[in-house]
Amino acid sequence: MSKIITEITPLSEKDCFYLIDRYKDCFTYPIHKHEEYELNFVENCKGARRIVGDSMEDLGEYDLALVGPNLEHVWEQYECRGKKIREITIQFSKGLLGDTFLGKNQLDTIKKLLDNAKNGIAFEMPAIMKVYGALDEITHTQPGFYRVIKFLTIIYELSVTKSQHVLSSSSFAHSDMSADSRRVQKIEEYINRNYSGEVRLQTLSEMVGMTPTAFSRFFKLRTGRTISDYLIDIRLGYAARKLADSTMSILEVCYDCGFNNVSNFNRIFKKKKGCSPKVFRENYHKNKILV
């Protein structure tokens, strides 16, 4: 099994966050992970590609993403022709705000943002434009109290925007489930244990004391996804993890993750991930560095 580089950031226990603002001609840093959260803004990056967990997205002129602890990520050159790429990176520890502080009602949106960041979050143009000025301003603010306040303001503004989407699947990122319904959580836990075999709607509905029709409506209302879509996403996440970390053949990955037809697996994987399982493995492995 290959491993990826684990970055040791320059943060000390007494630091609130680490900030770097730089210009460069190309993306060269390999895929990596670290213990800290990372907010990364890139400008003039059209044609570059961002990989976060099992998500691969081609970028426009601007990109802003929040990546949680120990989640693999990289910004790679791909087809980027920009000659003056600006990158602002802010890294901060899991304990910066603390559970007690995040437990306050006024911090609820930030807590949810950090929970979702375990799978990576990409912010769309309305959100980027909302904090663009603040991101530039924080780089010119002297280190100290006021820089911390600006950082918290940026994080808050991002936490309340709807212009964002989660990147990696939870099954790839090995992130904890955070459903606010005990019945949904029970179903999610069951699927994560049994995704490789047959998962029947009748079994799931009986687990929570509902008819299949009522359960299907309930699950869609609570999660925003049908039970079928959720199951496929879980299976694809585990499949992507096996493609990235193992030498199993694509056929073996297909059947090991609950798909019973390799053609169907290839079709669904390409539709959901934007590339075939073979290309995903090649893209992921070419960025890996043995440690």
Foldseek 3Di string as FASTA:
>chain_A
DFDFAEDDDPDDPPDFKDKDKAKAQFFDAFKYFYQWKKWKKKAQQQQKWKDWQLAIDGDHRIWIKIAHHPIIIGIHNHPRRGGIMIMMMMIGHPPSCHPVNCPDPVNVLLVVVNLLNLQMKIFDDVLCVVCVVLSVVLVVDDPDDVSVVSVVVNSVSVSPDPRMDGGAQCLRSVGDDDFPDPLLNVLVVVCLVDQLEDDDLCVSCVVVVHHSVVVQVVNCVRPVDGPVVVSLRNLLSNLLNCLQPHPDDLVCSCNRRHHDDSVVVQVVNCVVRVHGSVVSSVVNVVRGDGD
